[in-house]
Amino acid sequence: RFWAKFNDEKLVPPVWTACTGEGEAQEKAKE
């Protein structure tokens, strides 16, 4: 359950921004 919550809160949002964002926000999200 911990890793499931980790996925939804700490992985899905930055992956989305890393794939679809631009500039500094995209780079930070990818990291």
All heavy atoms as atom14 arrays in JSON, in Angstrom:
{
  "sequence": "RFWAKFNDEKLVPPVWTACTGEGEAQEKAKE",
  "atom14_mask": [
    [1, 1, 1, 1, 1, 1, 1, 1, 1, 1, 1, 0, 0, 0],
    [1, 1, 1, 1, 1, 1, 1, 1, 1, 1, 1, 0, 0, 0],
    [1, 1, 1, 1, 1, 1, 1, 1, 1, 1, 1, 1, 1, 1],
    [1, 1, 1, 1, 1, 0, 0, 0, 0, 0, 0, 0, 0, 0],
    [1, 1, 1, 1, 1, 1, 1, 1, 1, 0, 0, 0, 0, 0],
    [1, 1, 1, 1, 1, 1, 1, 1, 1, 1, 1, 0, 0, 0],
    [1, 1, 1, 1, 1, 1, 1, 1, 0, 0, 0, 0, 0, 0],
    [1, 1, 1, 1, 1, 1, 1, 1, 0, 0, 0, 0, 0, 0],
    [1, 1, 1, 1, 1, 1, 1, 1, 1, 0, 0, 0, 0, 0],
    [1, 1, 1, 1, 1, 1, 1, 1, 1, 0, 0, 0, 0, 0],
    [1, 1, 1, 1, 1, 1, 1, 1, 0, 0, 0, 0, 0, 0],
    [1, 1, 1, 1, 1, 1, 1, 0, 0, 0, 0, 0, 0, 0],
    [1, 1, 1, 1, 1, 1, 1, 0, 0, 0, 0, 0, 0, 0],
    [1, 1, 1, 1, 1, 1, 1, 0, 0, 0, 0, 0, 0, 0],
    [1, 1, 1, 1, 1, 1, 1, 0, 0, 0, 0, 0, 0, 0],
    [1, 1, 1, 1, 1, 1, 1, 1, 1, 1, 1, 1, 1, 1],
    [1, 1, 1, 1, 1, 1, 1, 0, 0, 0, 0, 0, 0, 0],
    [1, 1, 1, 1, 1, 0, 0, 0, 0, 0, 0, 0, 0, 0],
    [1, 1, 1, 1, 1, 1, 0, 0, 0, 0, 0, 0, 0, 0],
    [1, 1, 1, 1, 1, 1, 1, 0, 0, 0, 0, 0, 0, 0],
    [1, 1, 1, 1, 0, 0, 0, 0, 0, 0, 0, 0, 0, 0],
    [1, 1, 1, 1, 1, 1, 1, 1, 1, 0, 0, 0, 0, 0],
    [1, 1, 1, 1, 0, 0, 0, 0, 0, 0, 0, 0, 0, 0],
    [1, 1, 1, 1, 1, 1, 1, 1, 1, 0, 0, 0, 0, 0],
    [1, 1, 1, 1, 1, 0, 0, 0, 0, 0, 0, 0, 0, 0],
    [1, 1, 1, 1, 1, 1, 1, 1, 1, 0, 0, 0, 0, 0],
    [1, 1, 1, 1, 1, 1, 1, 1, 1, 0, 0, 0, 0, 0],
    [1, 1, 1, 1, 1, 1, 1, 1, 1, 0, 0, 0, 0, 0],
    [1, 1, 1, 1, 1, 0, 0, 0, 0, 0, 0, 0, 0, 0],
    [1, 1, 1, 1, 1, 1, 1, 1, 1, 0, 0, 0, 0, 0],
    [1, 1, 1, 1, 1, 1, 1, 1, 1, 0, 0, 0, 0, 0]
  ],
  "atom14_positions": [
    [[0.83, -1.21, 0.0], [0.0, 0.0, 0.0], [0.86, 1.26, 0.0], [0.5, 2.26, -0.63], [-0.93, -0.02, 1.22], [-2.02, -1.09, 1.15], [-2.89, -1.05, 2.38], [-3.99, -2.0, 2.28], [-4.18, -3.02, 3.12], [-3.35, -3.22, 4.13], [-5.21, -3.83, 2.97], [0.0, 0.0, 0.0], [0.0, 0.0, 0.0], [0.0, 0.0, 0.0]],
    [[1.99, 1.22, 0.7], [2.9, 2.37, 0.7], [3.39, 2.67, -0.71], [3.35, 3.82, -1.17], [4.1, 2.1, 1.61], [5.21, 3.1, 1.42], [5.16, 4.32, 2.08], [6.28, 2.84, 0.57], [6.17, 5.26, 1.9], [7.29, 3.77, 0.39], [7.23, 4.99, 1.05], [0.0, 0.0, 0.0], [0.0, 0.0, 0.0], [0.0, 0.0, 0.0]],
    [[3.86, 1.64, -1.42], [4.39, 1.87, -2.76], [3.3, 2.24, -3.75], [3.55, 2.96, -4.72], [5.17, 0.65, -3.23], [6.49, 0.51, -2.53], [6.85, -0.44, -1.63], [7.63, 1.37, -2.68], [8.13, -0.22, -1.19], [8.64, 0.88, -1.82], [7.88, 2.51, -3.45], [9.89, 1.49, -1.73], [9.12, 3.11, -3.35], [10.1, 2.61, -2.51]],
    [[2.09, 1.77, -3.51], [0.96, 2.17, -4.36], [0.7, 3.67, -4.23], [0.51, 4.38, -5.22], [-0.29, 1.38, -4.0], [0.0, 0.0, 0.0], [0.0, 0.0, 0.0], [0.0, 0.0, 0.0], [0.0, 0.0, 0.0], [0.0, 0.0, 0.0], [0.0, 0.0, 0.0], [0.0, 0.0, 0.0], [0.0, 0.0, 0.0], [0.0, 0.0, 0.0]],
    [[0.7, 4.16, -2.98], [0.51, 5.59, -2.76], [1.69, 6.38, -3.31], [1.51, 7.46, -3.9], [0.35, 5.86, -1.26], [-0.03, 7.29, -0.94], [-0.31, 7.48, 0.54], [-0.72, 8.93, 0.83], [-0.98, 9.15, 2.28], [0.0, 0.0, 0.0], [0.0, 0.0, 0.0], [0.0, 0.0, 0.0], [0.0, 0.0, 0.0], [0.0, 0.0, 0.0]],
    [[2.89, 5.85, -3.14], [4.09, 6.47, -3.71], [3.93, 6.63, -5.22], [4.25, 7.69, -5.78], [5.3, 5.59, -3.39], [6.57, 5.98, -4.1], [7.42, 6.91, -3.54], [6.9, 5.38, -5.3], [8.59, 7.26, -4.19], [8.07, 5.73, -5.96], [8.92, 6.68, -5.4], [0.0, 0.0, 0.0], [0.0, 0.0, 0.0], [0.0, 0.0, 0.0]],
    [[3.44, 5.6, -5.87], [3.24, 5.65, -7.32], [2.31, 6.79, -7.71], [2.63, 7.61, -8.58], [2.66, 4.33, -7.81], [2.18, 4.4, -9.24], [2.96, 4.34, -10.18], [0.87, 4.55, -9.43], [0.0, 0.0, 0.0], [0.0, 0.0, 0.0], [0.0, 0.0, 0.0], [0.0, 0.0, 0.0], [0.0, 0.0, 0.0], [0.0, 0.0, 0.0]],
    [[1.16, 6.86, -7.07], [0.16, 7.85, -7.47], [0.57, 9.28, -7.14], [0.2, 10.22, -7.85], [-1.19, 7.53, -6.8], [-1.9, 6.37, -7.46], [-1.28, 5.69, -8.31], [-3.07, 6.13, -7.14], [0.0, 0.0, 0.0], [0.0, 0.0, 0.0], [0.0, 0.0, 0.0], [0.0, 0.0, 0.0], [0.0, 0.0, 0.0], [0.0, 0.0, 0.0]],
    [[1.35, 9.45, -6.06], [1.7, 10.79, -5.62], [3.08, 11.25, -6.08], [3.28, 12.44, -6.36], [1.65, 10.87, -4.09], [0.24, 10.66, -3.53], [0.2, 10.76, -2.01], [1.28, 10.92, -1.4], [-0.91, 10.66, -1.45], [0.0, 0.0, 0.0], [0.0, 0.0, 0.0], [0.0, 0.0, 0.0], [0.0, 0.0, 0.0], [0.0, 0.0, 0.0]],
    [[4.03, 10.31, -6.18], [5.41, 10.68, -6.44], [5.94, 10.26, -7.81], [7.03, 10.7, -8.21], [6.33, 10.07, -5.38], [6.05, 10.55, -3.96], [6.39, 12.03, -3.8], [6.28, 12.46, -2.34], [6.61, 13.9, -2.17], [0.0, 0.0, 0.0], [0.0, 0.0, 0.0], [0.0, 0.0, 0.0], [0.0, 0.0, 0.0], [0.0, 0.0, 0.0]],
    [[5.18, 9.43, -8.53], [5.67, 8.97, -9.84], [4.79, 9.44, -10.98], [5.29, 10.01, -11.95], [5.78, 7.44, -9.86], [6.33, 6.85, -11.15], [7.72, 7.42, -11.45], [6.39, 5.33, -11.08], [0.0, 0.0, 0.0], [0.0, 0.0, 0.0], [0.0, 0.0, 0.0], [0.0, 0.0, 0.0], [0.0, 0.0, 0.0], [0.0, 0.0, 0.0]],
    [[3.5, 9.2, -10.9], [2.62, 9.56, -12.01], [2.7, 11.05, -12.38], [2.91, 11.39, -13.55], [1.16, 9.15, -11.73], [0.24, 9.65, -12.84], [1.04, 7.64, -11.59], [0.0, 0.0, 0.0], [0.0, 0.0, 0.0], [0.0, 0.0, 0.0], [0.0, 0.0, 0.0], [0.0, 0.0, 0.0], [0.0, 0.0, 0.0], [0.0, 0.0, 0.0]],
    [[2.57, 11.98, -11.42], [2.6, 13.4, -11.8], [3.91, 13.84, -12.46], [3.87, 14.5, -13.51], [2.34, 14.13, -10.48], [1.59, 13.14, -9.65], [2.2, 11.82, -9.99], [0.0, 0.0, 0.0], [0.0, 0.0, 0.0], [0.0, 0.0, 0.0], [0.0, 0.0, 0.0], [0.0, 0.0, 0.0], [0.0, 0.0, 0.0], [0.0, 0.0, 0.0]],
    [[5.1, 13.49, -11.9], [6.32, 13.93, -12.58], [6.55, 13.26, -13.92], [7.1, 13.88, -14.84], [7.44, 13.58, -11.59], [6.86, 12.59, -10.66], [5.4, 12.88, -10.59], [0.0, 0.0, 0.0], [0.0, 0.0, 0.0], [0.0, 0.0, 0.0], [0.0, 0.0, 0.0], [0.0, 0.0, 0.0], [0.0, 0.0, 0.0], [0.0, 0.0, 0.0]],
    [[6.12, 12.01, -14.09], [6.25, 11.37, -15.4], [5.42, 12.12, -16.43], [5.87, 12.38, -17.56], [5.84, 9.89, -15.33], [5.61, 9.33, -16.73], [6.89, 9.06, -14.62], [0.0, 0.0, 0.0], [0.0, 0.0, 0.0], [0.0, 0.0, 0.0], [0.0, 0.0, 0.0], [0.0, 0.0, 0.0], [0.0, 0.0, 0.0], [0.0, 0.0, 0.0]],
    [[4.22, 12.49, -16.03], [3.34, 13.24, -16.94], [3.99, 14.55, -17.37], [4.06, 14.88, -18.56], [2.0, 13.49, -16.27], [1.09, 14.4, -17.05], [0.84, 15.72, -16.81], [0.29, 14.05, -18.18], [-0.05, 16.22, -17.74], [-0.4, 15.21, -18.59], [0.12, 12.86, -18.89], [-1.26, 15.21, -19.68], [-0.75, 12.87, -19.98], [-1.42, 14.03, -20.37]],
    [[4.5, 15.31, -16.4], [5.13, 16.59, -16.71], [6.43, 16.41, -17.48], [6.74, 17.19, -18.39], [5.4, 17.38, -15.41], [4.16, 17.55, -14.71], [5.99, 18.74, -15.71], [0.0, 0.0, 0.0], [0.0, 0.0, 0.0], [0.0, 0.0, 0.0], [0.0, 0.0, 0.0], [0.0, 0.0, 0.0], [0.0, 0.0, 0.0], [0.0, 0.0, 0.0]],
    [[7.18, 15.37, -17.15], [8.44, 15.1, -17.85], [8.2, 14.79, -19.32], [9.01, 15.14, -20.19], [9.17, 13.95, -17.18], [0.0, 0.0, 0.0], [0.0, 0.0, 0.0], [0.0, 0.0, 0.0], [0.0, 0.0, 0.0], [0.0, 0.0, 0.0], [0.0, 0.0, 0.0], [0.0, 0.0, 0.0], [0.0, 0.0, 0.0], [0.0, 0.0, 0.0]],
    [[7.1, 14.12, -19.61], [6.79, 13.74, -20.99], [6.13, 14.87, -21.78], [6.29, 14.97, -23.0], [5.86, 12.52, -21.01], [6.6, 10.99, -20.44], [0.0, 0.0, 0.0], [0.0, 0.0, 0.0], [0.0, 0.0, 0.0], [0.0, 0.0, 0.0], [0.0, 0.0, 0.0], [0.0, 0.0, 0.0], [0.0, 0.0, 0.0], [0.0, 0.0, 0.0]],
    [[5.37, 15.7, -21.09], [4.52, 16.67, -21.8], [4.9, 18.13, -21.53], [4.38, 19.02, -22.19], [3.05, 16.48, -21.41], [2.87, 16.8, -20.01], [2.6, 15.05, -21.65], [0.0, 0.0, 0.0], [0.0, 0.0, 0.0], [0.0, 0.0, 0.0], [0.0, 0.0, 0.0], [0.0, 0.0, 0.0], [0.0, 0.0, 0.0], [0.0, 0.0, 0.0]],
    [[5.78, 18.37, -20.56], [6.1, 19.74, -20.19], [7.19, 20.37, -21.03], [7.66, 19.79, -22.02], [0.0, 0.0, 0.0], [0.0, 0.0, 0.0], [0.0, 0.0, 0.0], [0.0, 0.0, 0.0], [0.0, 0.0, 0.0], [0.0, 0.0, 0.0], [0.0, 0.0, 0.0], [0.0, 0.0, 0.0], [0.0, 0.0, 0.0], [0.0, 0.0, 0.0]],
    [[7.61, 21.55, -20.6], [8.65, 22.29, -21.32], [9.58, 22.96, -20.31], [9.21, 23.19, -19.16], [8.03, 23.37, -22.21], [7.14, 22.83, -23.32], [6.51, 23.94, -24.15], [6.64, 25.13, -23.75], [5.9, 23.63, -25.17], [0.0, 0.0, 0.0], [0.0, 0.0, 0.0], [0.0, 0.0, 0.0], [0.0, 0.0, 0.0], [0.0, 0.0, 0.0]],
    [[10.79, 23.27, -20.77], [11.71, 24.1, -20.01], [12.14, 23.52, -18.68], [12.28, 22.3, -18.51], [0.0, 0.0, 0.0], [0.0, 0.0, 0.0], [0.0, 0.0, 0.0], [0.0, 0.0, 0.0], [0.0, 0.0, 0.0], [0.0, 0.0, 0.0], [0.0, 0.0, 0.0], [0.0, 0.0, 0.0], [0.0, 0.0, 0.0], [0.0, 0.0, 0.0]],
    [[12.32, 24.38, -17.7], [12.84, 23.99, -16.4], [11.89, 23.04, -15.67], [12.34, 22.09, -15.01], [13.07, 25.24, -15.54], [13.71, 24.94, -14.19], [13.97, 26.2, -13.38], [13.74, 27.31, -13.9], [14.39, 26.07, -12.21], [0.0, 0.0, 0.0], [0.0, 0.0, 0.0], [0.0, 0.0, 0.0], [0.0, 0.0, 0.0], [0.0, 0.0, 0.0]],
    [[10.59, 23.27, -15.8], [9.61, 22.41, -15.14], [9.73, 20.98, -15.66], [9.65, 20.02, -14.9], [8.2, 22.94, -15.35], [0.0, 0.0, 0.0], [0.0, 0.0, 0.0], [0.0, 0.0, 0.0], [0.0, 0.0, 0.0], [0.0, 0.0, 0.0], [0.0, 0.0, 0.0], [0.0, 0.0, 0.0], [0.0, 0.0, 0.0], [0.0, 0.0, 0.0]],
    [[9.93, 20.85, -16.97], [10.06, 19.53, -17.58], [11.32, 18.83, -17.09], [11.31, 17.63, -16.77], [10.07, 19.66, -19.11], [10.01, 18.32, -19.86], [11.36, 17.74, -20.17], [12.37, 18.45, -20.18], [11.4, 16.44, -20.42], [0.0, 0.0, 0.0], [0.0, 0.0, 0.0], [0.0, 0.0, 0.0], [0.0, 0.0, 0.0], [0.0, 0.0, 0.0]],
    [[12.43, 19.57, -17.0], [13.7, 18.99, -16.57], [13.63, 18.54, -15.11], [14.11, 17.47, -14.74], [14.83, 20.0, -16.75], [15.22, 20.23, -18.21], [15.72, 18.97, -18.88], [16.42, 18.17, -18.22], [15.39, 18.75, -20.06], [0.0, 0.0, 0.0], [0.0, 0.0, 0.0], [0.0, 0.0, 0.0], [0.0, 0.0, 0.0], [0.0, 0.0, 0.0]],
    [[13.02, 19.35, -14.26], [12.89, 18.99, -12.84], [11.99, 17.77, -12.69], [12.25, 16.88, -11.86], [12.32, 20.17, -12.05], [13.31, 21.3, -11.84], [12.72, 22.4, -10.97], [13.74, 23.48, -10.68], [13.18, 24.57, -9.83], [0.0, 0.0, 0.0], [0.0, 0.0, 0.0], [0.0, 0.0, 0.0], [0.0, 0.0, 0.0], [0.0, 0.0, 0.0]],
    [[10.91, 17.73, -13.47], [10.0, 16.58, -13.4], [10.69, 15.3, -13.86], [10.51, 14.24, -13.26], [8.77, 16.85, -14.25], [0.0, 0.0, 0.0], [0.0, 0.0, 0.0], [0.0, 0.0, 0.0], [0.0, 0.0, 0.0], [0.0, 0.0, 0.0], [0.0, 0.0, 0.0], [0.0, 0.0, 0.0], [0.0, 0.0, 0.0], [0.0, 0.0, 0.0]],
    [[11.51, 15.4, -14.9], [12.23, 14.23, -15.39], [13.19, 13.7, -14.34], [13.28, 12.5, -14.1], [12.99, 14.56, -16.67], [13.73, 13.36, -17.27], [14.38, 13.7, -18.6], [15.11, 12.5, -19.18], [15.73, 12.8, -20.48], [0.0, 0.0, 0.0], [0.0, 0.0, 0.0], [0.0, 0.0, 0.0], [0.0, 0.0, 0.0], [0.0, 0.0, 0.0]],
    [[13.9, 14.61, -13.67], [14.81, 14.21, -12.6], [14.06, 13.5, -11.49], [14.5, 12.45, -10.98], [15.52, 15.44, -12.05], [16.52, 15.14, -10.95], [17.21, 16.38, -10.42], [17.07, 17.45, -11.05], [17.91, 16.28, -9.39], [0.0, 0.0, 0.0], [0.0, 0.0, 0.0], [0.0, 0.0, 0.0], [0.0, 0.0, 0.0], [0.0, 0.0, 0.0]]
  ]
}
